[in-house]
C-alpha atoms as a PDB file:
ATOM      1  CA  UNK A   1       0.093  -0.124  -0.062  1.00  0.00           C
ATOM      2  CA  UNK A   2       1.333   3.620  -0.709  1.00  0.00           C
ATOM      3  CA  UNK A   3       2.323   5.648   1.831  1.00  0.00           C
ATOM      4  CA  UNK A   4      -0.803   8.129   2.780  1.00  0.00           C
ATOM      5  CA  UNK A   5       1.869  10.430   4.144  1.00  0.00           C
ATOM      6  CA  UNK A   6       3.338  10.927   1.132  1.00  0.00           C
ATOM      7  CA  UNK A   7       1.143  14.001   0.087  1.00  0.00           C
ATOM      8  CA  UNK A   8      -1.696  11.164  -0.257  1.00  0.00           C
ATOM      9  CA  UNK A   9      -5.511  12.602  -0.269  1.00  0.00           C
ATOM     10  CA  UNK A  10      -8.024  10.490   1.954  1.00  0.00           C
ATOM     11  CA  UNK A  11     -11.720  11.105   0.932  1.00  0.00           C
ATOM     12  CA  UNK A  12     -13.943  11.394   3.784  1.00  0.00           C
ATOM     13  CA  UNK A  13     -16.152   8.773   1.798  1.00  0.00           C
ATOM     14  CA  UNK A  14     -13.319   6.253   1.195  1.00  0.00           C
ATOM     15  CA  UNK A  15     -13.818   2.415   3.520  1.00  0.00           C
ATOM     16  CA  UNK A  16     -17.012   4.111   5.115  1.00  0.00           C
ATOM     17  CA  UNK A  17     -20.785   5.026   3.888  1.00  0.00           C
ATOM     18  CA  UNK A  18     -23.259   5.153   6.747  1.00  0.00           C
ATOM     19  CA  UNK A  19     -26.313   5.331   4.491  1.00  0.00           C
ATOM     20  CA  UNK A  20     -25.723   8.923   3.547  1.00  0.00           C
ATOM     21  CA  UNK A  21     -23.233  10.937   1.768  1.00  0.00           C
ATOM     22  CA  UNK A  22     -21.221  13.002   4.803  1.00  0.00           C
ATOM     23  CA  UNK A  23     -21.759  17.011   4.112  1.00  0.00           C
ATOM     24  CA  UNK A  24     -18.776  19.238   3.869  1.00  0.00           C
ATOM     25  CA  UNK A  25     -16.485  19.091   7.046  1.00  0.00           C
ATOM     26  CA  UNK A  26     -16.641  23.026   8.358  1.00  0.00           C
ATOM     27  CA  UNK A  27     -13.218  23.503   9.318  1.00  0.00           C
ATOM     28  CA  UNK A  28     -10.672  25.829   8.982  1.00  0.00           C
ATOM     29  CA  UNK A  29      -7.126  25.300   7.908  1.00  0.00           C
ATOM     30  CA  UNK A  30      -4.860  26.469  11.121  1.00  0.00           C
ATOM     31  CA  UNK A  31      -2.205  27.800   8.829  1.00  0.00           C
ATOM     32  CA  UNK A  32      -2.990  27.903   5.186  1.00  0.00           C
ATOM     33  CA  UNK A  33       0.386  28.471   3.843  1.00  0.00           C
ATOM     34  CA  UNK A  34       1.751  25.178   5.944  1.00  0.00           C
ATOM     35  CA  UNK A  35       1.653  22.442   3.477  1.00  0.00           C
ATOM     36  CA  UNK A  36       0.865  19.583   5.637  1.00  0.00           C
ATOM     37  CA  UNK A  37       1.466  16.756   2.766  1.00  0.00           C
ATOM     38  CA  UNK A  38       5.436  16.436   3.774  1.00  0.00           C
ATOM     39  CA  UNK A  39       6.641  12.568   3.874  1.00  0.00           C
ATOM     40  CA  UNK A  40       8.841  12.543   6.911  1.00  0.00           C
ATOM     41  CA  UNK A  41      10.594  10.046   5.631  1.00  0.00           C
ATOM     42  CA  UNK A  42      12.048  11.541   2.531  1.00  0.00           C
ATOM     43  CA  UNK A  43      12.341  15.048   4.305  1.00  0.00           C
ATOM     44  CA  UNK A  44      16.294  16.047   5.805  1.00  0.00           C
ATOM     45  CA  UNK A  45      15.800  14.733   9.685  1.00  0.00           C
ATOM     46  CA  UNK A  46      15.078  17.243  12.292  1.00  0.00           C
ATOM     47  CA  UNK A  47      17.536  18.441  14.621  1.00  0.00           C
ATOM     48  CA  UNK A  48      16.898  17.137  18.031  1.00  0.00           C
ATOM     49  CA  UNK A  49      17.208  19.482  20.522  1.00  0.00           C
ATOM     50  CA  UNK A  50      15.443  20.884  23.579  1.00  0.00           C
ATOM     51  CA  UNK A  51      13.092  23.453  22.266  1.00  0.00           C
ATOM     52  CA  UNK A  52      15.039  26.762  23.117  1.00  0.00           C
ATOM     53  CA  UNK A  53      13.993  28.847  25.882  1.00  0.00           C
ATOM     54  CA  UNK A  54      11.030  26.482  26.929  1.00  0.00           C
ATOM     55  CA  UNK A  55      11.059  26.530  30.913  1.00  0.00           C
ATOM     56  CA  UNK A  56      10.236  22.622  32.624  1.00  0.00           C
ATOM     57  CA  UNK A  57       8.547  22.798  36.175  1.00  0.00           C
ATOM     58  CA  UNK A  58       7.234  20.167  38.390  1.00  0.00           C
ATOM     59  CA  UNK A  59       3.295  20.800  38.788  1.00  0.00           C
ATOM     60  CA  UNK A  60       3.556  18.584  41.992  1.00  0.00           C
ATOM     61  CA  UNK A  61       5.873  17.130  44.097  1.00  0.00           C
ATOM     62  CA  UNK A  62       4.454  14.252  47.046  1.00  0.00           C
ATOM     63  CA  UNK A  63       5.452  11.478  47.342  1.00  0.00           C
ATOM     64  CA  UNK A  64       2.303   9.467  46.502  1.00  0.00           C
ATOM     65  CA  UNK A  65       1.391   8.892  43.091  1.00  0.00           C
ATOM     66  CA  UNK A  66       0.062  11.466  40.401  1.00  0.00           C
ATOM     67  CA  UNK A  67      -1.283  10.155  36.854  1.00  0.00           C
ATOM     68  CA  UNK A  68      -3.540  10.700  34.234  1.00  0.00           C
ATOM     69  CA  UNK A  69      -2.724  14.528  33.807  1.00  0.00           C
ATOM     70  CA  UNK A  70      -4.424  17.126  31.633  1.00  0.00           C
ATOM     71  CA  UNK A  71      -4.341  20.300  31.144  1.00  0.00           C
ATOM     72  CA  UNK A  72      -6.594  23.224  29.857  1.00  0.00           C
ATOM     73  CA  UNK A  73      -5.391  26.919  30.020  1.00  0.00           C
ATOM     74  CA  UNK A  74      -3.921  27.464  33.846  1.00  0.00           C
ATOM     75  CA  UNK A  75      -5.074  24.641  35.295  1.00  0.00           C
ATOM     76  CA  UNK A  76      -3.732  20.879  35.644  1.00  0.00           C
ATOM     77  CA  UNK A  77      -5.880  17.878  37.222  1.00  0.00           C
ATOM     78  CA  UNK A  78      -4.331  14.756  37.853  1.00  0.00           C
ATOM     79  CA  UNK A  79      -5.532  11.230  40.045  1.00  0.00           C
ATOM     80  CA  UNK A  80      -3.710  11.280  42.735  1.00  0.00           C
ATOM     81  CA  UNK A  81      -3.286   8.588  46.034  1.00  0.00           C
ATOM     82  CA  UNK A  82      -1.935  10.332  49.014  1.00  0.00           C
ATOM     83  CA  UNK A  83      -5.254   9.571  50.961  1.00  0.00           C
ATOM     84  CA  UNK A  84      -4.693   5.795  50.369  1.00  0.00           C
ATOM     85  CA  UNK A  85      -7.131   5.679  47.258  1.00  0.00           C
ATOM     86  CA  UNK A  86      -7.221   7.662  43.631  1.00  0.00           C
ATOM     87  CA  UNK A  87      -9.008  10.978  44.033  1.00  0.00           C
ATOM     88  CA  UNK A  88      -8.837  14.088  41.803  1.00  0.00           C
ATOM     89  CA  UNK A  89      -6.867  17.042  42.186  1.00  0.00           C
ATOM     90  CA  UNK A  90      -6.307  20.376  40.653  1.00  0.00           C
ATOM     91  CA  UNK A  91      -3.420  23.033  40.659  1.00  0.00           C
ATOM     92  CA  UNK A  92      -4.469  26.284  39.383  1.00  0.00           C
ATOM     93  CA  UNK A  93      -1.212  27.461  37.504  1.00  0.00           C
ATOM     94  CA  UNK A  94      -1.857  30.958  38.538  1.00  0.00           C
ATOM     95  CA  UNK A  95      -1.899  30.993  41.982  1.00  0.00           C
ATOM     96  CA  UNK A  96      -0.263  27.732  42.495  1.00  0.00           C
ATOM     97  CA  UNK A  97      -3.210  26.372  44.837  1.00  0.00           C
ATOM     98  CA  UNK A  98      -3.704  22.801  44.622  1.00  0.00           C
ATOM     99  CA  UNK A  99      -7.310  21.784  45.253  1.00  0.00           C
ATOM    100  CA  UNK A 100      -8.728  18.429  46.119  1.00  0.00           C
ATOM    101  CA  UNK A 101     -11.669  17.927  43.784  1.00  0.00           C
ATOM    102  CA  UNK A 102     -13.066  14.682  44.773  1.00  0.00           C
ATOM    103  CA  UNK A 103     -11.846  12.435  47.396  1.00  0.00           C
ATOM    104  CA  UNK A 104     -14.049   9.016  48.176  1.00  0.00           C
ATOM    105  CA  UNK A 105     -12.807   5.408  49.426  1.00  0.00           C
ATOM    106  CA  UNK A 106     -13.372   4.037  46.013  1.00  0.00           C
ATOM    107  CA  UNK A 107     -11.028   5.085  42.347  1.00  0.00           C
ATOM    108  CA  UNK A 108     -11.406   8.141  40.642  1.00  0.00           C
ATOM    109  CA  UNK A 109      -9.105   8.419  37.767  1.00  0.00           C
ATOM    110  CA  UNK A 110      -8.528   9.690  33.910  1.00  0.00           C
ATOM    111  CA  UNK A 111      -9.724  13.087  34.719  1.00  0.00           C
ATOM    112  CA  UNK A 112     -10.639  16.221  32.228  1.00  0.00           C
ATOM    113  CA  UNK A 113     -11.051  19.612  32.576  1.00  0.00           C
ATOM    114  CA  UNK A 114     -11.968  22.192  30.397  1.00  0.00           C
ATOM    115  CA  UNK A 115     -13.569  25.574  30.729  1.00  0.00           C
ATOM    116  CA  UNK A 116     -16.158  25.671  33.682  1.00  0.00           C
ATOM    117  CA  UNK A 117     -16.094  21.999  34.302  1.00  0.00           C
ATOM    118  CA  UNK A 118     -13.889  19.021  35.808  1.00  0.00           C
ATOM    119  CA  UNK A 119     -14.943  15.154  34.913  1.00  0.00           C
ATOM    120  CA  UNK A 120     -13.408  11.992  35.868  1.00  0.00           C
ATOM    121  CA  UNK A 121     -14.195   8.065  35.485  1.00  0.00           C
ATOM    122  CA  UNK A 122     -15.489   7.243  39.070  1.00  0.00           C
ATOM    123  CA  UNK A 123     -15.547   3.849  40.513  1.00  0.00           C
ATOM    124  CA  UNK A 124     -18.444   4.263  43.967  1.00  0.00           C
ATOM    125  CA  UNK A 125     -21.848   3.184  43.934  1.00  0.00           C
ATOM    126  CA  UNK A 126     -23.117   0.454  41.540  1.00  0.00           C
ATOM    127  CA  UNK A 127     -20.270   0.835  38.847  1.00  0.00           C
ATOM    128  CA  UNK A 128     -17.772   2.948  37.189  1.00  0.00           C
ATOM    129  CA  UNK A 129     -19.563   5.841  35.576  1.00  0.00           C
ATOM    130  CA  UNK A 130     -18.559   9.566  34.660  1.00  0.00           C
ATOM    131  CA  UNK A 131     -19.174  12.265  37.581  1.00  0.00           C
ATOM    132  CA  UNK A 132     -18.555  16.437  36.886  1.00  0.00           C
ATOM    133  CA  UNK A 133     -17.852  19.240  39.244  1.00  0.00           C
ATOM    134  CA  UNK A 134     -19.357  22.425  37.886  1.00  0.00           C
ATOM    135  CA  UNK A 135     -16.427  24.957  39.168  1.00  0.00           C
ATOM    136  CA  UNK A 136     -18.937  27.811  38.682  1.00  0.00           C
ATOM    137  CA  UNK A 137     -20.976  26.385  41.897  1.00  0.00           C
ATOM    138  CA  UNK A 138     -18.871  24.180  43.200  1.00  0.00           C
ATOM    139  CA  UNK A 139     -21.572  21.424  42.465  1.00  0.00           C
ATOM    140  CA  UNK A 140     -20.521  17.849  42.033  1.00  0.00           C
ATOM    141  CA  UNK A 141     -22.820  15.278  39.904  1.00  0.00           C
ATOM    142  CA  UNK A 142     -23.167  12.305  37.951  1.00  0.00           C
ATOM    143  CA  UNK A 143     -24.598  13.652  34.663  1.00  0.00           C
ATOM    144  CA  UNK A 144     -28.554  11.618  33.934  1.00  0.00           C
ATOM    145  CA  UNK A 145     -27.144   9.387  31.174  1.00  0.00           C
ATOM    146  CA  UNK A 146     -29.513   6.958  29.652  1.00  0.00           C
ATOM    147  CA  UNK A 147     -28.253   3.397  30.583  1.00  0.00           C
ATOM    148  CA  UNK A 148     -26.710   0.950  32.598  1.00  0.00           C
ATOM    149  CA  UNK A 149     -22.772  -0.585  32.439  1.00  0.00           C
ATOM    150  CA  UNK A 150     -19.333   1.348  32.290  1.00  0.00           C
ATOM    151  CA  UNK A 151     -18.736   4.430  31.321  1.00  0.00           C
ATOM    152  CA  UNK A 152     -15.025   4.899  30.912  1.00  0.00           C
ATOM    153  CA  UNK A 153     -12.237   7.434  30.105  1.00  0.00           C
ATOM    154  CA  UNK A 154     -13.631  10.522  29.622  1.00  0.00           C
ATOM    155  CA  UNK A 155     -12.725  13.647  27.577  1.00  0.00           C
ATOM    156  CA  UNK A 156     -13.459  16.853  27.675  1.00  0.00           C
ATOM    157  CA  UNK A 157     -14.032  19.807  25.681  1.00  0.00           C
ATOM    158  CA  UNK A 158     -16.147  23.096  26.447  1.00  0.00           C
ATOM    159  CA  UNK A 159     -19.297  22.009  27.881  1.00  0.00           C
ATOM    160  CA  UNK A 160     -19.423  18.585  26.093  1.00  0.00           C
ATOM    161  CA  UNK A 161     -17.674  14.948  27.260  1.00  0.00           C
ATOM    162  CA  UNK A 162     -17.140  12.063  25.429  1.00  0.00           C
ATOM    163  CA  UNK A 163     -16.612   8.533  26.682  1.00  0.00           C
ATOM    164  CA  UNK A 164     -16.655   4.860  26.230  1.00  0.00           C
ATOM    165  CA  UNK A 165     -19.727   2.640  27.440  1.00  0.00           C
ATOM    166  CA  UNK A 166     -20.631  -1.120  27.272  1.00  0.00           C
ATOM    167  CA  UNK A 167     -24.078  -0.793  28.211  1.00  0.00           C
ATOM    168  CA  UNK A 168     -25.355  -2.066  25.021  1.00  0.00           C
ATOM    169  CA  UNK A 169     -23.257  -5.627  25.490  1.00  0.00           C
ATOM    170  CA  UNK A 170     -20.468  -3.758  23.340  1.00  0.00           C
ATOM    171  CA  UNK A 171     -17.970  -0.930  23.766  1.00  0.00           C
ATOM    172  CA  UNK A 172     -19.769   2.301  21.862  1.00  0.00           C
ATOM    173  CA  UNK A 173     -19.307   5.974  22.420  1.00  0.00           C
ATOM    174  CA  UNK A 174     -21.373   8.538  23.750  1.00  0.00           C
ATOM    175  CA  UNK A 175     -21.332  12.183  24.231  1.00  0.00           C
ATOM    176  CA  UNK A 176     -23.200  14.103  26.964  1.00  0.00           C
ATOM    177  CA  UNK A 177     -23.766  18.037  26.657  1.00  0.00           C
ATOM    178  CA  UNK A 178     -24.173  19.763  29.908  1.00  0.00           C
ATOM    179  CA  UNK A 179     -25.883  22.581  28.557  1.00  0.00           C
ATOM    180  CA  UNK A 180     -28.487  20.558  26.646  1.00  0.00           C
ATOM    181  CA  UNK A 181     -28.558  18.127  30.189  1.00  0.00           C
ATOM    182  CA  UNK A 182     -28.558  15.334  26.914  1.00  0.00           C
ATOM    183  CA  UNK A 183     -26.719  12.601  26.022  1.00  0.00           C
ATOM    184  CA  UNK A 184     -26.074  11.455  22.532  1.00  0.00           C
ATOM    185  CA  UNK A 185     -24.947   8.211  20.986  1.00  0.00           C
ATOM    186  CA  UNK A 186     -21.799   8.824  18.521  1.00  0.00           C
ATOM    187  CA  UNK A 187     -20.826   5.553  17.695  1.00  0.00           C
ATOM    188  CA  UNK A 188     -23.171   2.564  18.818  1.00  0.00           C
ATOM    189  CA  UNK A 189     -23.033  -0.229  15.696  1.00  0.00           C
ATOM    190  CA  UNK A 190     -23.920  -3.272  16.999  1.00  0.00           C
ATOM    191  CA  UNK A 191     -21.182  -4.814  14.676  1.00  0.00           C
ATOM    192  CA  UNK A 192     -18.353  -2.800  15.576  1.00  0.00           C
ATOM    193  CA  UNK A 193     -16.222  -2.114  18.987  1.00  0.00           C
ATOM    194  CA  UNK A 194     -15.406   1.685  19.685  1.00  0.00           C
ATOM    195  CA  UNK A 195     -12.740   2.913  21.853  1.00  0.00           C
ATOM    196  CA  UNK A 196     -10.706   5.550  23.022  1.00  0.00           C
ATOM    197  CA  UNK A 197     -12.655   8.616  22.220  1.00  0.00           C
ATOM    198  CA  UNK A 198     -11.525  12.244  21.937  1.00  0.00           C
ATOM    199  CA  UNK A 199     -13.217  15.599  21.409  1.00  0.00           C
ATOM    200  CA  UNK A 200     -11.626  19.198  20.595  1.00  0.00           C
ATOM    201  CA  UNK A 201     -14.619  21.777  19.674  1.00  0.00           C
ATOM    202  CA  UNK A 202     -17.506  20.527  17.061  1.00  0.00           C
ATOM    203  CA  UNK A 203     -15.043  16.834  16.054  1.00  0.00           C
ATOM    204  CA  UNK A 204     -15.150  13.815  17.942  1.00  0.00           C
ATOM    205  CA  UNK A 205     -13.045  11.050  16.937  1.00  0.00           C
ATOM    206  CA  UNK A 206     -12.367   7.294  17.935  1.00  0.00           C
ATOM    207  CA  UNK A 207     -11.185   3.753  17.842  1.00  0.00           C
ATOM    208  CA  UNK A 208     -13.312   1.494  15.770  1.00  0.00           C
ATOM    209  CA  UNK A 209     -12.981  -2.057  14.527  1.00  0.00           C
ATOM    210  CA  UNK A 210     -15.134  -3.821  12.380  1.00  0.00           C
ATOM    211  CA  UNK A 211     -13.380  -6.536  11.096  1.00  0.00           C
ATOM    212  CA  UNK A 212     -11.608  -7.559  13.967  1.00  0.00           C
ATOM    213  CA  UNK A 213      -8.970  -6.304  17.443  1.00  0.00           C
ATOM    214  CA  UNK A 214      -6.124  -6.234  14.702  1.00  0.00           C
ATOM    215  CA  UNK A 215      -7.309  -3.572  12.256  1.00  0.00           C
ATOM    216  CA  UNK A 216      -8.983  -0.393  14.304  1.00  0.00           C
ATOM    217  CA  UNK A 217      -9.463   2.559  12.308  1.00  0.00           C
ATOM    218  CA  UNK A 218      -9.806   6.191  13.450  1.00  0.00           C
ATOM    219  CA  UNK A 219     -13.557   7.866  12.648  1.00  0.00           C
ATOM    220  CA  UNK A 220     -14.578  10.708  13.178  1.00  0.00           C
ATOM    221  CA  UNK A 221     -17.988  13.339  12.811  1.00  0.00           C
ATOM    222  CA  UNK A 222     -17.965  16.949  12.874  1.00  0.00           C
ATOM    223  CA  UNK A 223     -20.684  17.569  14.991  1.00  0.00           C
ATOM    224  CA  UNK A 224     -20.631  21.481  13.594  1.00  0.00           C
ATOM    225  CA  UNK A 225     -23.347  19.681  11.066  1.00  0.00           C
ATOM    226  CA  UNK A 226     -25.917  18.881  13.363  1.00  0.00           C
ATOM    227  CA  UNK A 227     -28.398  16.583  12.298  1.00  0.00           C
ATOM    228  CA  UNK A 228     -26.558  16.242   9.042  1.00  0.00           C
ATOM    229  CA  UNK A 229     -23.481  14.897  10.989  1.00  0.00           C
ATOM    230  CA  UNK A 230     -22.363  11.282   9.720  1.00  0.00           C
ATOM    231  CA  UNK A 231     -19.383   9.279  11.105  1.00  0.00           C
ATOM    232  CA  UNK A 232     -16.752   8.982   8.200  1.00  0.00           C
ATOM    233  CA  UNK A 233     -13.398   6.922   8.636  1.00  0.00           C
ATOM    234  CA  UNK A 234     -10.110   8.483   8.303  1.00  0.00           C
ATOM    235  CA  UNK A 235      -7.566   6.103   7.885  1.00  0.00           C
ATOM    236  CA  UNK A 236      -7.776   3.245   5.518  1.00  0.00           C
ATOM    237  CA  UNK A 237      -4.813   1.058   6.433  1.00  0.00           C
ATOM    238  CA  UNK A 238      -4.194  -2.502   7.107  1.00  0.00           C
ATOM    239  CA  UNK A 239      -2.289  -2.079   9.638  1.00  0.00           C
ATOM    240  CA  UNK A 240      -3.910  -0.914  13.861  1.00  0.00           C
ATOM    241  CA  UNK A 241      -4.704   2.972  14.184  1.00  0.00           C
ATOM    242  CA  UNK A 242      -4.959   4.053  18.270  1.00  0.00           C
ATOM    243  CA  UNK A 243      -5.014   6.640  20.533  1.00  0.00           C
ATOM    244  CA  UNK A 244      -6.666   8.980  18.425  1.00  0.00           C
ATOM    245  CA  UNK A 245      -6.818  13.280  19.368  1.00  0.00           C
ATOM    246  CA  UNK A 246      -7.834  16.315  18.115  1.00  0.00           C
ATOM    247  CA  UNK A 247      -7.943  19.778  18.842  1.00  0.00           C
ATOM    248  CA  UNK A 248     -10.984  20.450  16.379  1.00  0.00           C
ATOM    249  CA  UNK A 249      -8.685  21.741  13.770  1.00  0.00           C
ATOM    250  CA  UNK A 250      -6.727  18.178  13.265  1.00  0.00           C
ATOM    251  CA  UNK A 251      -6.420  14.506  14.765  1.00  0.00           C
ATOM    252  CA  UNK A 252      -3.235  12.449  15.700  1.00  0.00           C
ATOM    253  CA  UNK A 253      -3.087   9.210  16.094  1.00  0.00           C
ATOM    254  CA  UNK A 254      -0.455   6.278  16.815  1.00  0.00           C
ATOM    255  CA  UNK A 255       0.012   3.786  13.743  1.00  0.00           C
ATOM    256  CA  UNK A 256       1.882   0.692  13.131  1.00  0.00           C
ATOM    257  CA  UNK A 257       2.021   0.442   9.415  1.00  0.00           C
ATOM    258  CA  UNK A 258       5.841   0.960   9.111  1.00  0.00           C
ATOM    259  CA  UNK A 259       6.370  -2.260  12.067  1.00  0.00           C
ATOM    260  CA  UNK A 260       6.245   0.070  15.161  1.00  0.00           C
ATOM    261  CA  UNK A 261       4.246   2.837  16.818  1.00  0.00           C
ATOM    262  CA  UNK A 262       4.310   6.129  14.498  1.00  0.00           C
ATOM    263  CA  UNK A 263       2.539   9.243  15.254  1.00  0.00           C
ATOM    264  CA  UNK A 264       0.361  10.604  11.842  1.00  0.00           C
ATOM    265  CA  UNK A 265      -1.838  13.643  11.520  1.00  0.00           C
ATOM    266  CA  UNK A 266      -4.969  14.095   9.361  1.00  0.00           C
ATOM    267  CA  UNK A 267      -6.446  17.463   8.679  1.00  0.00           C
ATOM    268  CA  UNK A 268     -10.144  17.375   7.742  1.00  0.00           C
ATOM    269  CA  UNK A 269     -10.032  20.607   6.068  1.00  0.00           C
ATOM    270  CA  UNK A 270      -8.077  19.168   3.433  1.00  0.00           C
ATOM    271  CA  UNK A 271      -8.010  15.431   3.510  1.00  0.00           C
ATOM    272  CA  UNK A 272      -4.653  14.879   4.340  1.00  0.00           C
ATOM    273  CA  UNK A 273      -2.988  12.566   6.402  1.00  0.00           C
ATOM    274  CA  UNK A 274       0.810  13.145   7.276  1.00  0.00           C
ATOM    275  CA  UNK A 275       3.449  10.661   9.056  1.00  0.00           C
ATOM    276  CA  UNK A 276       4.839  12.806  11.338  1.00  0.00           C
ATOM    277  CA  UNK A 277       7.689  10.414  12.923  1.00  0.00           C
ATOM    278  CA  UNK A 278      10.201   8.366  11.350  1.00  0.00           C
ATOM    279  CA  UNK A 279      11.966   6.173  13.925  1.00  0.00           C
ATOM    280  CA  UNK A 280      12.548   2.815  14.729  1.00  0.00           C
ATOM    281  CA  UNK A 281      11.376   3.054  18.164  1.00  0.00           C
ATOM    282  CA  UNK A 282       7.958   3.239  19.692  1.00  0.00           C
ATOM    283  CA  UNK A 283       6.073   6.668  19.937  1.00  0.00           C
ATOM    284  CA  UNK A 284       2.344   6.629  21.237  1.00  0.00           C
ATOM    285  CA  UNK A 285       0.210   8.244  22.815  1.00  0.00           C
ATOM    286  CA  UNK A 286      -0.217  12.068  20.945  1.00  0.00           C
ATOM    287  CA  UNK A 287      -2.217  15.286  21.755  1.00  0.00           C
ATOM    288  CA  UNK A 288      -2.365  17.729  20.067  1.00  0.00           C
ATOM    289  CA  UNK A 289      -2.924  21.715  20.560  1.00  0.00           C
ATOM    290  CA  UNK A 290      -2.483  24.564  17.627  1.00  0.00           C
ATOM    291  CA  UNK A 291       0.913  24.063  16.104  1.00  0.00           C
ATOM    292  CA  UNK A 292       2.592  21.649  18.191  1.00  0.00           C
ATOM    293  CA  UNK A 293       1.796  18.000  19.044  1.00  0.00           C
ATOM    294  CA  UNK A 294       3.266  16.014  21.365  1.00  0.00           C
ATOM    295  CA  UNK A 295       3.985  11.965  22.287  1.00  0.00           C
ATOM    296  CA  UNK A 296       5.493   9.709  24.315  1.00  0.00           C
ATOM    297  CA  UNK A 297       8.997   8.505  22.788  1.00  0.00           C
ATOM    298  CA  UNK A 298      11.092   5.435  23.214  1.00  0.00           C
ATOM    299  CA  UNK A 299      13.987   6.137  21.121  1.00  0.00           C
ATOM    300  CA  UNK A 300      16.654   6.255  23.923  1.00  0.00           C
ATOM    301  CA  UNK A 301      15.648   3.465  25.762  1.00  0.00           C
ATOM    302  CA  UNK A 302      12.915   5.020  28.022  1.00  0.00           C
ATOM    303  CA  UNK A 303      10.090   6.661  27.380  1.00  0.00           C
ATOM    304  CA  UNK A 304      10.029  10.756  26.514  1.00  0.00           C
ATOM    305  CA  UNK A 305       8.278  13.430  25.746  1.00  0.00           C
ATOM    306  CA  UNK A 306       8.306  15.008  21.991  1.00  0.00           C
ATOM    307  CA  UNK A 307       6.844  17.786  20.252  1.00  0.00           C
ATOM    308  CA  UNK A 308       6.502  18.891  17.005  1.00  0.00           C
ATOM    309  CA  UNK A 309       5.951  22.199  15.482  1.00  0.00           C
ATOM    310  CA  UNK A 310       3.712  21.754  12.920  1.00  0.00           C
ATOM    311  CA  UNK A 311       4.701  25.373  11.796  1.00  0.00           C
ATOM    312  CA  UNK A 312       7.914  25.019  11.116  1.00  0.00           C
ATOM    313  CA  UNK A 313       8.039  21.251  10.174  1.00  0.00           C
ATOM    314  CA  UNK A 314      10.650  20.519  13.505  1.00  0.00           C
ATOM    315  CA  UNK A 315      10.780  18.080  15.856  1.00  0.00           C
ATOM    316  CA  UNK A 316      12.098  18.755  19.467  1.00  0.00           C
ATOM    317  CA  UNK A 317      13.210  16.388  22.762  1.00  0.00           C
ATOM    318  CA  UNK A 318      11.273  17.213  25.613  1.00  0.00           C
ATOM    319  CA  UNK A 319      12.744  15.711  28.531  1.00  0.00           C
ATOM    320  CA  UNK A 320      15.741  14.571  28.812  1.00  0.00           C
ATOM    321  CA  UNK A 321      15.562  12.583  32.037  1.00  0.00           C
ATOM    322  CA  UNK A 322      16.835   8.373  32.057  1.00  0.00           C
ATOM    323  CA  UNK A 323      13.002   7.925  34.110  1.00  0.00           C
ATOM    324  CA  UNK A 324      10.295   7.494  32.398  1.00  0.00           C
ATOM    325  CA  UNK A 325       7.795  10.556  31.171  1.00  0.00           C
ATOM    326  CA  UNK A 326       4.305   9.197  29.366  1.00  0.00           C
ATOM    327  CA  UNK A 327       0.523  10.369  29.006  1.00  0.00           C
ATOM    328  CA  UNK A 328       1.635  13.437  28.045  1.00  0.00           C
ATOM    329  CA  UNK A 329      -1.130  16.528  27.724  1.00  0.00           C
ATOM    330  CA  UNK A 330      -0.717  20.176  25.887  1.00  0.00           C
ATOM    331  CA  UNK A 331      -2.879  22.888  26.090  1.00  0.00           C
ATOM    332  CA  UNK A 332      -1.573  25.967  24.081  1.00  0.00           C
ATOM    333  CA  UNK A 333       1.808  26.810  25.579  1.00  0.00           C
ATOM    334  CA  UNK A 334       1.553  24.323  28.223  1.00  0.00           C
ATOM    335  CA  UNK A 335       2.928  20.387  28.214  1.00  0.00           C
ATOM    336  CA  UNK A 336       2.165  18.185  31.039  1.00  0.00           C
ATOM    337  CA  UNK A 337       2.922  14.361  31.691  1.00  0.00           C
ATOM    338  CA  UNK A 338       3.261  11.449  34.309  1.00  0.00           C
ATOM    339  CA  UNK A 339       7.068  12.053  35.268  1.00  0.00           C
ATOM    340  CA  UNK A 340       9.057   8.568  37.392  1.00  0.00           C
ATOM    341  CA  UNK A 341      12.484  11.073  37.844  1.00  0.00           C
ATOM    342  CA  UNK A 342      12.051  11.167  42.032  1.00  0.00           C
ATOM    343  CA  UNK A 343      11.135   7.574  42.155  1.00  0.00           C
ATOM    344  CA  UNK A 344       7.332   7.441  42.219  1.00  0.00           C
ATOM    345  CA  UNK A 345       4.854   9.373  39.737  1.00  0.00           C
ATOM    346  CA  UNK A 346       5.235  12.967  40.152  1.00  0.00           C
ATOM    347  CA  UNK A 347       3.184  15.649  37.419  1.00  0.00           C
ATOM    348  CA  UNK A 348       5.891  17.447  35.030  1.00  0.00           C
ATOM    349  CA  UNK A 349       5.293  20.921  32.638  1.00  0.00           C
ATOM    350  CA  UNK A 350       7.052  22.345  30.199  1.00  0.00           C
ATOM    351  CA  UNK A 351       5.826  25.960  28.722  1.00  0.00           C
ATOM    352  CA  UNK A 352       6.548  26.765  25.390  1.00  0.00           C
ATOM    353  CA  UNK A 353       9.433  29.171  24.333  1.00  0.00           C
ATOM    354  CA  UNK A 354       8.135  32.485  23.871  1.00  0.00           C
ATOM    355  CA  UNK A 355       4.527  32.533  26.105  1.00  0.00           C
END
């Protein structure tokens, strides 16, 4: 199969027709002057250097473990076991104040934060459910979803959260809109399994398997199309694509078509898929915000955080410590991750230069 990263345009209709032709995706190109059809396999290797002028700092230093960090603007949330079970904490970066969002003897994990809400996966009570805190009122609540079963791995953008659920004896993706107080089925095909959703603005992406676990693809839906919105498969390789993320403009994911995990990017406005990394080691768990893609990278024998600047086409090594740095999350000029350099899991942050 030809490398899609070699400037190949992937039609929104390729590989999927859910009964109606998808309307045009109303997503703007962030920088129209930047060519997104670059094949990094044929381009000169970028210089691997620390991003000049950026500043690294510790978000947490507690001797307990902090996992699953997420950042939005000036807030970072994470799971923390200092009280004997995993709770959700939040740090305000402008004041340095850390707040216990939810504490309970059961497990709370996989938090997300955006605008007025914090969400997380909550194990208390009758099963694993999505819960939320309204930062405007301080009120914690469980969204009134429409069925039983597990709800897991929430991802939040603005006032909408997406999550996985097994309520239909299958793996599906649903969304809850806090403004409408309503739940919407995003991917509930009984013939497919859907995992690992993410949302950015009006764009929802997830991993979906039709033919078996060995060949998952990335699927997206543009919510700005309203009732005309349909699910569109954006990858067509016979290898596995997984762990998608989006900022509402572009989509990134990991892909094993070259024999190891590499990072790819898809631009819905142009239909162009671009290979971002080209290294024999594994690159996993990407995230994107504006012109910057981040991921965890094993080329030095452990996991480091790397970043790619779309506007300049340059790759940068963010961390150099010999311990593992994993689970990166980016928002604007801030990158956060889970870091093992202190002998336990802490949260660290890199603030990009010029900010």
